[in-house]
Amino acid sequence: MESALEEIEFLALSSNRVEVLGLLSEGRYARNELAAETGASQATLGRILGDFQDRSWIRRDDDGYIATATGRLVASGFIDLQDIIETERKLREIVDYLPTHAMDVDLRRLADATITVPTATRPNAPLRRLLDLLREADEVRAFSHTFNEQTLTVVRDRVTGGNQRFRGVFGRSAIDALSDDPDLNNRLESLLEADTAEFRVREEGVPLAVMIADEIVFLLLRDEDGVLRASVDTDDDAVRSWAEDSLDHYWRTATPLESDALSD
């Protein structure tokens, strides 16, 4: 009897095998229908179907071929593995910057995420992606260790213009950095005075840089030196649930920020 790894290899080495088993796990197919769906020759299909029958992955009846219970199990597991590998390949170049220590999220939920990285011609591409989302959002919620000039300006303009609601909790260092710059301090003060903006500051800091723009969760990823390496954004329900729960936690453990608390 072949080992499990040998069985995986048997299936993985042929895209036709994978496709045929996937089709038969979803329903009954005649041989000519399988040929039309896969483009495989009759000779190839004959070998595949024979191998599958030898393994009891499929059975044949008068109307065609269909997967058995174990065949469906194998197909489901293999498709899951393919999805995992595809997600891993997508995240491979940025995994070192993902704050997985603070993210209670199955990384498979990032399979459909948009990943933006700096390029030679667009070194600020991740930030530009965020700013584009903020300019369209009706509601923005944030928990972050940073609040940069461009983000502050877009949010301030949208909120004071009556086009956006904002709720954010930031680490003390982020607020102090803005307060030390007179121009940025003024922008922050005008945002704080808006009726549709709420701010809190967390003395213990915030280990992530996350914004929820309407239904989209956006993460800015930096390396240990603070260099922007990538951004990840997704509208996945599970990721948004995690982000909303995390925001509630940081909000509860922070104190309100008032404009008179900013430096002159």
C-alpha atoms as a PDB file:
ATOM      1  CA  MET A   1       0.000   0.000   0.000  1.00  0.00           C
ATOM      2  CA  GLU A   2       1.268   3.428  -0.907  1.00  0.00           C
ATOM      3  CA  SER A   3       2.033   5.934   1.823  1.00  0.00           C
ATOM      4  CA  ALA A   4      -0.056   9.062   2.327  1.00  0.00           C
ATOM      5  CA  LEU A   5       2.711  11.178   0.786  1.00  0.00           C
ATOM      6  CA  GLU A   6       2.828   8.905  -2.243  1.00  0.00           C
ATOM      7  CA  GLU A   7      -0.937   9.232  -2.663  1.00  0.00           C
ATOM      8  CA  ILE A   8      -0.642  13.028  -2.447  1.00  0.00           C
ATOM      9  CA  GLU A   9       2.143  12.927  -5.039  1.00  0.00           C
ATOM     10  CA  PHE A  10       0.045  10.709  -7.308  1.00  0.00           C
ATOM     11  CA  LEU A  11      -2.752  13.272  -7.306  1.00  0.00           C
ATOM     12  CA  ALA A  12      -0.573  16.403  -7.348  1.00  0.00           C
ATOM     13  CA  LEU A  13       1.519  15.361 -10.348  1.00  0.00           C
ATOM     14  CA  SER A  14      -1.477  15.549 -12.688  1.00  0.00           C
ATOM     15  CA  SER A  15      -3.719  18.572 -13.025  1.00  0.00           C
ATOM     16  CA  ASN A  16      -6.129  16.341 -14.948  1.00  0.00           C
ATOM     17  CA  ARG A  17      -6.441  14.003 -11.963  1.00  0.00           C
ATOM     18  CA  VAL A  18      -7.135  16.915  -9.646  1.00  0.00           C
ATOM     19  CA  GLU A  19      -9.739  18.366 -11.990  1.00  0.00           C
ATOM     20  CA  VAL A  20     -11.504  15.051 -12.634  1.00  0.00           C
ATOM     21  CA  LEU A  21     -11.722  14.175  -8.950  1.00  0.00           C
ATOM     22  CA  GLY A  22     -12.966  17.669  -8.164  1.00  0.00           C
ATOM     23  CA  LEU A  23     -15.697  17.392 -10.786  1.00  0.00           C
ATOM     24  CA  LEU A  24     -16.811  13.948  -9.650  1.00  0.00           C
ATOM     25  CA  SER A  25     -16.919  15.095  -6.033  1.00  0.00           C
ATOM     26  CA  GLU A  26     -19.529  17.653  -7.085  1.00  0.00           C
ATOM     27  CA  GLY A  27     -21.750  15.391  -9.180  1.00  0.00           C
ATOM     28  CA  ARG A  28     -22.135  12.585 -11.697  1.00  0.00           C
ATOM     29  CA  TYR A  29     -20.433  12.849 -15.092  1.00  0.00           C
ATOM     30  CA  ALA A  30     -20.415  10.667 -18.156  1.00  0.00           C
ATOM     31  CA  ARG A  31     -17.011  10.045 -19.687  1.00  0.00           C
ATOM     32  CA  ASN A  32     -17.644  12.285 -22.690  1.00  0.00           C
ATOM     33  CA  GLU A  33     -18.761  15.055 -20.324  1.00  0.00           C
ATOM     34  CA  LEU A  34     -15.491  14.760 -18.410  1.00  0.00           C
ATOM     35  CA  ALA A  35     -13.592  15.004 -21.682  1.00  0.00           C
ATOM     36  CA  ALA A  36     -15.473  18.167 -22.608  1.00  0.00           C
ATOM     37  CA  GLU A  37     -14.874  19.734 -19.166  1.00  0.00           C
ATOM     38  CA  THR A  38     -11.188  18.902 -18.846  1.00  0.00           C
ATOM     39  CA  GLY A  39      -9.933  18.677 -22.432  1.00  0.00           C
ATOM     40  CA  ALA A  40      -8.230  15.400 -21.522  1.00  0.00           C
ATOM     41  CA  SER A  41      -8.011  12.656 -24.139  1.00  0.00           C
ATOM     42  CA  GLN A  42     -10.060   9.492 -23.817  1.00  0.00           C
ATOM     43  CA  ALA A  43      -6.882   7.499 -23.199  1.00  0.00           C
ATOM     44  CA  THR A  44      -5.860   9.830 -20.362  1.00  0.00           C
ATOM     45  CA  LEU A  45      -9.334   9.728 -18.877  1.00  0.00           C
ATOM     46  CA  GLY A  46      -9.347   5.952 -19.041  1.00  0.00           C
ATOM     47  CA  ARG A  47      -6.132   5.756 -17.003  1.00  0.00           C
ATOM     48  CA  ILE A  48      -7.361   8.352 -14.480  1.00  0.00           C
ATOM     49  CA  LEU A  49     -10.739   6.715 -13.961  1.00  0.00           C
ATOM     50  CA  GLY A  50      -9.153   3.283 -13.636  1.00  0.00           C
ATOM     51  CA  ASP A  51      -6.662   4.546 -11.039  1.00  0.00           C
ATOM     52  CA  PHE A  52      -9.450   6.236  -9.099  1.00  0.00           C
ATOM     53  CA  GLN A  53     -11.591   3.094  -9.142  1.00  0.00           C
ATOM     54  CA  ASP A  54      -8.622   1.044  -7.876  1.00  0.00           C
ATOM     55  CA  ARG A  55      -8.441   3.449  -4.909  1.00  0.00           C
ATOM     56  CA  SER A  56     -12.240   3.385  -4.385  1.00  0.00           C
ATOM     57  CA  TRP A  57     -12.336   7.158  -4.868  1.00  0.00           C
ATOM     58  CA  ILE A  58     -15.041   6.883  -7.537  1.00  0.00           C
ATOM     59  CA  ARG A  59     -17.676   4.418  -8.641  1.00  0.00           C
ATOM     60  CA  ARG A  60     -19.368   3.806 -11.957  1.00  0.00           C
ATOM     61  CA  ASP A  61     -23.053   3.229 -12.589  1.00  0.00           C
ATOM     62  CA  ASP A  62     -25.315   3.267 -15.648  1.00  0.00           C
ATOM     63  CA  ASP A  63     -25.350   7.075 -15.746  1.00  0.00           C
ATOM     64  CA  GLY A  64     -21.633   7.727 -15.421  1.00  0.00           C
ATOM     65  CA  TYR A  65     -19.021   8.241 -12.727  1.00  0.00           C
ATOM     66  CA  ILE A  66     -19.324   9.836  -9.289  1.00  0.00           C
ATOM     67  CA  ALA A  67     -17.015  10.175  -6.298  1.00  0.00           C
ATOM     68  CA  THR A  68     -17.419   7.937  -3.286  1.00  0.00           C
ATOM     69  CA  ALA A  69     -17.468   9.328   0.258  1.00  0.00           C
ATOM     70  CA  THR A  70     -13.703   8.823   0.560  1.00  0.00           C
ATOM     71  CA  GLY A  71     -13.173  10.321  -2.890  1.00  0.00           C
ATOM     72  CA  ARG A  72     -15.033  13.436  -1.791  1.00  0.00           C
ATOM     73  CA  LEU A  73     -12.904  13.509   1.356  1.00  0.00           C
ATOM     74  CA  VAL A  74      -9.686  13.387  -0.674  1.00  0.00           C
ATOM     75  CA  ALA A  75     -10.918  16.042  -3.106  1.00  0.00           C
ATOM     76  CA  SER A  76     -11.959  18.377  -0.312  1.00  0.00           C
ATOM     77  CA  GLY A  77      -8.670  17.967   1.542  1.00  0.00           C
ATOM     78  CA  PHE A  78      -6.583  18.468  -1.577  1.00  0.00           C
ATOM     79  CA  ILE A  79      -8.491  21.594  -2.586  1.00  0.00           C
ATOM     80  CA  ASP A  80      -8.016  22.933   0.950  1.00  0.00           C
ATOM     81  CA  LEU A  81      -4.278  22.273   0.658  1.00  0.00           C
ATOM     82  CA  GLN A  82      -4.136  24.039  -2.692  1.00  0.00           C
ATOM     83  CA  ASP A  83      -5.904  27.056  -1.200  1.00  0.00           C
ATOM     84  CA  ILE A  84      -3.492  27.125   1.723  1.00  0.00           C
ATOM     85  CA  ILE A  85      -0.439  26.976  -0.545  1.00  0.00           C
ATOM     86  CA  GLU A  86      -1.845  29.681  -2.810  1.00  0.00           C
ATOM     87  CA  THR A  87      -2.426  31.914   0.217  1.00  0.00           C
ATOM     88  CA  GLU A  88       1.053  31.151   1.575  1.00  0.00           C
ATOM     89  CA  ARG A  89       2.635  32.109  -1.755  1.00  0.00           C
ATOM     90  CA  LYS A  90       0.688  35.355  -1.717  1.00  0.00           C
ATOM     91  CA  LEU A  91       1.847  36.203   1.811  1.00  0.00           C
ATOM     92  CA  ARG A  92       5.394  34.845   1.494  1.00  0.00           C
ATOM     93  CA  GLU A  93       7.075  38.175   0.788  1.00  0.00           C
ATOM     94  CA  ILE A  94       5.318  40.022   3.609  1.00  0.00           C
ATOM     95  CA  VAL A  95       4.973  37.398   6.335  1.00  0.00           C
ATOM     96  CA  ASP A  96       7.938  38.823   8.254  1.00  0.00           C
ATOM     97  CA  TYR A  97       6.036  42.101   8.638  1.00  0.00           C
ATOM     98  CA  LEU A  98       2.601  40.705   9.518  1.00  0.00           C
ATOM     99  CA  PRO A  99       1.849  41.381  13.202  1.00  0.00           C
ATOM    100  CA  THR A 100       0.745  37.790  13.733  1.00  0.00           C
ATOM    101  CA  HIS A 101       1.513  38.058  17.467  1.00  0.00           C
ATOM    102  CA  ALA A 102      -1.412  40.466  17.763  1.00  0.00           C
ATOM    103  CA  MET A 103      -3.683  39.042  15.077  1.00  0.00           C
ATOM    104  CA  ASP A 104      -6.128  36.372  16.166  1.00  0.00           C
ATOM    105  CA  VAL A 105      -6.979  35.599  12.549  1.00  0.00           C
ATOM    106  CA  ASP A 106      -6.611  32.446  10.476  1.00  0.00           C
ATOM    107  CA  LEU A 107      -4.244  33.515   7.697  1.00  0.00           C
ATOM    108  CA  ARG A 108      -6.438  31.665   5.208  1.00  0.00           C
ATOM    109  CA  ARG A 109      -8.893  34.540   5.623  1.00  0.00           C
ATOM    110  CA  LEU A 110      -6.351  36.702   3.750  1.00  0.00           C
ATOM    111  CA  ALA A 111      -6.595  34.591   0.590  1.00  0.00           C
ATOM    112  CA  ASP A 112      -8.491  37.314  -1.284  1.00  0.00           C
ATOM    113  CA  ALA A 113      -6.775  40.284   0.357  1.00  0.00           C
ATOM    114  CA  THR A 114      -5.212  43.069  -1.694  1.00  0.00           C
ATOM    115  CA  ILE A 115      -1.492  43.356  -0.998  1.00  0.00           C
ATOM    116  CA  THR A 116       0.264  46.545  -2.023  1.00  0.00           C
ATOM    117  CA  VAL A 117       4.034  46.909  -1.859  1.00  0.00           C
ATOM    118  CA  PRO A 118       6.332  49.853  -2.615  1.00  0.00           C
ATOM    119  CA  THR A 119       7.941  49.912  -6.048  1.00  0.00           C
ATOM    120  CA  ALA A 120      10.741  51.935  -7.569  1.00  0.00           C
ATOM    121  CA  THR A 121       8.209  54.164  -9.322  1.00  0.00           C
ATOM    122  CA  ARG A 122       5.619  54.181  -6.497  1.00  0.00           C
ATOM    123  CA  PRO A 123       7.520  53.999  -3.204  1.00  0.00           C
ATOM    124  CA  ASN A 124       4.460  55.202  -1.290  1.00  0.00           C
ATOM    125  CA  ALA A 125       2.017  52.830  -2.987  1.00  0.00           C
ATOM    126  CA  PRO A 126       0.749  51.249   0.278  1.00  0.00           C
ATOM    127  CA  LEU A 127      -0.005  54.658   1.784  1.00  0.00           C
ATOM    128  CA  ARG A 128      -1.621  55.869  -1.438  1.00  0.00           C
ATOM    129  CA  ARG A 129      -3.898  52.819  -1.339  1.00  0.00           C
ATOM    130  CA  LEU A 130      -4.991  53.775   2.179  1.00  0.00           C
ATOM    131  CA  LEU A 131      -5.587  57.400   1.277  1.00  0.00           C
ATOM    132  CA  ASP A 132      -7.750  56.390  -1.691  1.00  0.00           C
ATOM    133  CA  LEU A 133      -9.910  54.265   0.618  1.00  0.00           C
ATOM    134  CA  LEU A 134     -10.177  57.039   3.212  1.00  0.00           C
ATOM    135  CA  ARG A 135     -11.320  59.566   0.606  1.00  0.00           C
ATOM    136  CA  GLU A 136     -14.316  57.364  -0.212  1.00  0.00           C
ATOM    137  CA  ALA A 137     -15.257  56.080   3.254  1.00  0.00           C
ATOM    138  CA  ASP A 138     -18.251  57.341   5.202  1.00  0.00           C
ATOM    139  CA  GLU A 139     -16.990  55.863   8.459  1.00  0.00           C
ATOM    140  CA  VAL A 140     -13.404  55.281   9.573  1.00  0.00           C
ATOM    141  CA  ARG A 141     -12.318  53.509  12.742  1.00  0.00           C
ATOM    142  CA  ALA A 142      -8.686  53.122  13.720  1.00  0.00           C
ATOM    143  CA  PHE A 143      -6.311  51.694  16.280  1.00  0.00           C
ATOM    144  CA  SER A 144      -2.713  52.491  15.550  1.00  0.00           C
ATOM    145  CA  HIS A 145       0.746  53.372  16.764  1.00  0.00           C
ATOM    146  CA  THR A 146       0.974  56.040  14.079  1.00  0.00           C
ATOM    147  CA  PHE A 147      -1.122  58.794  12.516  1.00  0.00           C
ATOM    148  CA  ASN A 148       0.877  60.283   9.668  1.00  0.00           C
ATOM    149  CA  GLU A 149       0.443  63.677   8.072  1.00  0.00           C
ATOM    150  CA  GLN A 150      -1.313  62.502   4.909  1.00  0.00           C
ATOM    151  CA  THR A 151      -3.800  60.308   6.752  1.00  0.00           C
ATOM    152  CA  LEU A 152      -4.546  63.009   9.309  1.00  0.00           C
ATOM    153  CA  THR A 153      -5.132  65.566   6.566  1.00  0.00           C
ATOM    154  CA  VAL A 154      -7.531  63.399   4.568  1.00  0.00           C
ATOM    155  CA  VAL A 155      -9.510  62.399   7.660  1.00  0.00           C
ATOM    156  CA  ARG A 156      -9.600  65.985   8.960  1.00  0.00           C
ATOM    157  CA  ASP A 157     -10.849  67.327   5.636  1.00  0.00           C
ATOM    158  CA  ARG A 158     -13.494  64.615   5.284  1.00  0.00           C
ATOM    159  CA  VAL A 159     -14.734  64.892   8.865  1.00  0.00           C
ATOM    160  CA  THR A 160     -14.814  68.697   9.090  1.00  0.00           C
ATOM    161  CA  GLY A 161     -16.501  68.773   5.689  1.00  0.00           C
ATOM    162  CA  GLY A 162     -19.343  66.666   7.084  1.00  0.00           C
ATOM    163  CA  ASN A 163     -18.530  63.654   4.914  1.00  0.00           C
ATOM    164  CA  GLN A 164     -17.104  61.192   7.416  1.00  0.00           C
ATOM    165  CA  ARG A 165     -17.383  59.857  10.968  1.00  0.00           C
ATOM    166  CA  PHE A 166     -14.146  58.989  12.740  1.00  0.00           C
ATOM    167  CA  ARG A 167     -13.310  56.988  15.840  1.00  0.00           C
ATOM    168  CA  GLY A 168      -9.725  56.215  16.724  1.00  0.00           C
ATOM    169  CA  VAL A 169      -7.444  55.136  19.514  1.00  0.00           C
ATOM    170  CA  PHE A 170      -3.734  55.834  19.202  1.00  0.00           C
ATOM    171  CA  GLY A 171      -0.601  55.188  21.183  1.00  0.00           C
ATOM    172  CA  ARG A 172       0.763  58.127  23.136  1.00  0.00           C
ATOM    173  CA  SER A 173       3.809  58.358  20.870  1.00  0.00           C
ATOM    174  CA  ALA A 174       1.605  58.943  17.805  1.00  0.00           C
ATOM    175  CA  ILE A 175      -0.210  61.842  19.473  1.00  0.00           C
ATOM    176  CA  ASP A 176       2.996  63.355  20.846  1.00  0.00           C
ATOM    177  CA  ALA A 177       4.584  63.263  17.384  1.00  0.00           C
ATOM    178  CA  LEU A 178       1.669  65.295  15.974  1.00  0.00           C
ATOM    179  CA  SER A 179       1.652  67.693  18.937  1.00  0.00           C
ATOM    180  CA  ASP A 180       5.326  68.509  18.446  1.00  0.00           C
ATOM    181  CA  ASP A 181       4.606  69.933  14.981  1.00  0.00           C
ATOM    182  CA  PRO A 182       2.567  73.186  15.155  1.00  0.00           C
ATOM    183  CA  ASP A 183       0.865  72.674  11.791  1.00  0.00           C
ATOM    184  CA  LEU A 184      -0.058  69.044  12.466  1.00  0.00           C
ATOM    185  CA  ASN A 185      -1.128  69.977  15.978  1.00  0.00           C
ATOM    186  CA  ASN A 186      -3.575  72.501  14.529  1.00  0.00           C
ATOM    187  CA  ARG A 187      -4.995  69.912  12.130  1.00  0.00           C
ATOM    188  CA  LEU A 188      -5.447  67.456  14.985  1.00  0.00           C
ATOM    189  CA  GLU A 189      -7.156  70.111  17.130  1.00  0.00           C
ATOM    190  CA  SER A 190      -9.628  70.930  14.375  1.00  0.00           C
ATOM    191  CA  LEU A 191     -10.400  67.217  14.012  1.00  0.00           C
ATOM    192  CA  LEU A 192     -10.889  66.828  17.762  1.00  0.00           C
ATOM    193  CA  GLU A 193     -13.390  69.674  17.768  1.00  0.00           C
ATOM    194  CA  ALA A 194     -15.613  67.988  15.169  1.00  0.00           C
ATOM    195  CA  ASP A 195     -18.835  66.446  16.488  1.00  0.00           C
ATOM    196  CA  THR A 196     -18.359  63.337  14.391  1.00  0.00           C
ATOM    197  CA  ALA A 197     -14.840  62.536  15.633  1.00  0.00           C
ATOM    198  CA  GLU A 198     -13.883  60.632  18.782  1.00  0.00           C
ATOM    199  CA  PHE A 199     -10.322  60.141  19.983  1.00  0.00           C
ATOM    200  CA  ARG A 200      -8.681  58.167  22.725  1.00  0.00           C
ATOM    201  CA  VAL A 201      -5.029  57.757  23.639  1.00  0.00           C
ATOM    202  CA  ARG A 202      -3.516  54.587  25.060  1.00  0.00           C
ATOM    203  CA  GLU A 203      -0.507  55.075  27.303  1.00  0.00           C
ATOM    204  CA  GLU A 204       0.602  51.447  26.829  1.00  0.00           C
ATOM    205  CA  GLY A 205       0.725  52.013  23.095  1.00  0.00           C
ATOM    206  CA  VAL A 206      -0.926  50.123  20.229  1.00  0.00           C
ATOM    207  CA  PRO A 207       1.148  47.403  18.534  1.00  0.00           C
ATOM    208  CA  LEU A 208      -0.675  47.597  15.181  1.00  0.00           C
ATOM    209  CA  ALA A 209      -1.583  50.109  12.510  1.00  0.00           C
ATOM    210  CA  VAL A 210      -5.137  49.230  11.480  1.00  0.00           C
ATOM    211  CA  MET A 211      -7.929  51.248   9.933  1.00  0.00           C
ATOM    212  CA  ILE A 212     -11.452  50.080   9.152  1.00  0.00           C
ATOM    213  CA  ALA A 213     -12.774  52.135   6.243  1.00  0.00           C
ATOM    214  CA  ASP A 214     -16.466  51.257   5.984  1.00  0.00           C
ATOM    215  CA  GLU A 215     -16.310  47.471   5.451  1.00  0.00           C
ATOM    216  CA  ILE A 216     -12.613  47.247   4.531  1.00  0.00           C
ATOM    217  CA  VAL A 217      -9.904  46.416   7.073  1.00  0.00           C
ATOM    218  CA  PHE A 218      -6.563  47.977   6.196  1.00  0.00           C
ATOM    219  CA  LEU A 219      -3.181  47.171   7.761  1.00  0.00           C
ATOM    220  CA  LEU A 220       0.028  49.117   7.204  1.00  0.00           C
ATOM    221  CA  LEU A 221       3.039  46.843   7.631  1.00  0.00           C
ATOM    222  CA  ARG A 222       6.440  48.159   8.698  1.00  0.00           C
ATOM    223  CA  ASP A 223       9.725  46.450   9.480  1.00  0.00           C
ATOM    224  CA  GLU A 224      11.554  46.681  12.790  1.00  0.00           C
ATOM    225  CA  ASP A 225      13.160  49.946  11.660  1.00  0.00           C
ATOM    226  CA  GLY A 226       9.798  51.534  10.933  1.00  0.00           C
ATOM    227  CA  VAL A 227      10.179  51.347   7.146  1.00  0.00           C
ATOM    228  CA  LEU A 228       6.877  50.867   5.314  1.00  0.00           C
ATOM    229  CA  ARG A 229       7.014  47.483   3.588  1.00  0.00           C
ATOM    230  CA  ALA A 230       3.455  46.718   2.500  1.00  0.00           C
ATOM    231  CA  SER A 231      -0.233  47.120   3.117  1.00  0.00           C
ATOM    232  CA  VAL A 232      -2.960  44.506   3.297  1.00  0.00           C
ATOM    233  CA  ASP A 233      -6.654  45.241   2.917  1.00  0.00           C
ATOM    234  CA  THR A 234      -9.649  42.949   2.874  1.00  0.00           C
ATOM    235  CA  ASP A 235     -13.412  42.925   3.334  1.00  0.00           C
ATOM    236  CA  ASP A 236     -13.379  39.416   4.827  1.00  0.00           C
ATOM    237  CA  ASP A 237     -16.005  39.096   7.568  1.00  0.00           C
ATOM    238  CA  ALA A 238     -13.742  37.234  10.003  1.00  0.00           C
ATOM    239  CA  VAL A 239     -10.929  39.750   9.656  1.00  0.00           C
ATOM    240  CA  ARG A 240     -13.360  42.613  10.175  1.00  0.00           C
ATOM    241  CA  SER A 241     -14.790  40.906  13.266  1.00  0.00           C
ATOM    242  CA  TRP A 242     -11.269  40.564  14.683  1.00  0.00           C
ATOM    243  CA  ALA A 243     -10.498  44.211  13.889  1.00  0.00           C
ATOM    244  CA  GLU A 244     -13.709  45.441  15.523  1.00  0.00           C
ATOM    245  CA  ASP A 245     -13.097  43.338  18.647  1.00  0.00           C
ATOM    246  CA  SER A 246      -9.516  44.623  18.840  1.00  0.00           C
ATOM    247  CA  LEU A 247     -10.683  48.208  18.481  1.00  0.00           C
ATOM    248  CA  ASP A 248     -13.156  47.718  21.327  1.00  0.00           C
ATOM    249  CA  HIS A 249     -10.359  46.331  23.525  1.00  0.00           C
ATOM    250  CA  TYR A 250      -7.967  49.199  22.845  1.00  0.00           C
ATOM    251  CA  TRP A 251     -10.799  51.709  23.221  1.00  0.00           C
ATOM    252  CA  ARG A 252     -11.760  50.389  26.655  1.00  0.00           C
ATOM    253  CA  THR A 253      -8.152  50.553  27.842  1.00  0.00           C
ATOM    254  CA  ALA A 254      -7.550  54.113  26.608  1.00  0.00           C
ATOM    255  CA  THR A 255      -8.536  57.553  27.862  1.00  0.00           C
ATOM    256  CA  PRO A 256     -10.359  60.330  25.972  1.00  0.00           C
ATOM    257  CA  LEU A 257      -8.145  62.834  24.200  1.00  0.00           C
ATOM    258  CA  GLU A 258      -9.253  66.448  24.538  1.00  0.00           C
ATOM    259  CA  SER A 259      -7.935  69.363  22.515  1.00  0.00           C
ATOM    260  CA  ASP A 260      -6.743  71.201  25.614  1.00  0.00           C
ATOM    261  CA  ALA A 261      -4.439  68.264  26.365  1.00  0.00           C
ATOM    262  CA  LEU A 262      -2.380  68.944  23.229  1.00  0.00           C
ATOM    263  CA  SER A 263       0.799  70.967  23.494  1.00  0.00           C
ATOM    264  CA  ASP A 264       0.652  74.593  22.492  1.00  0.00           C
END
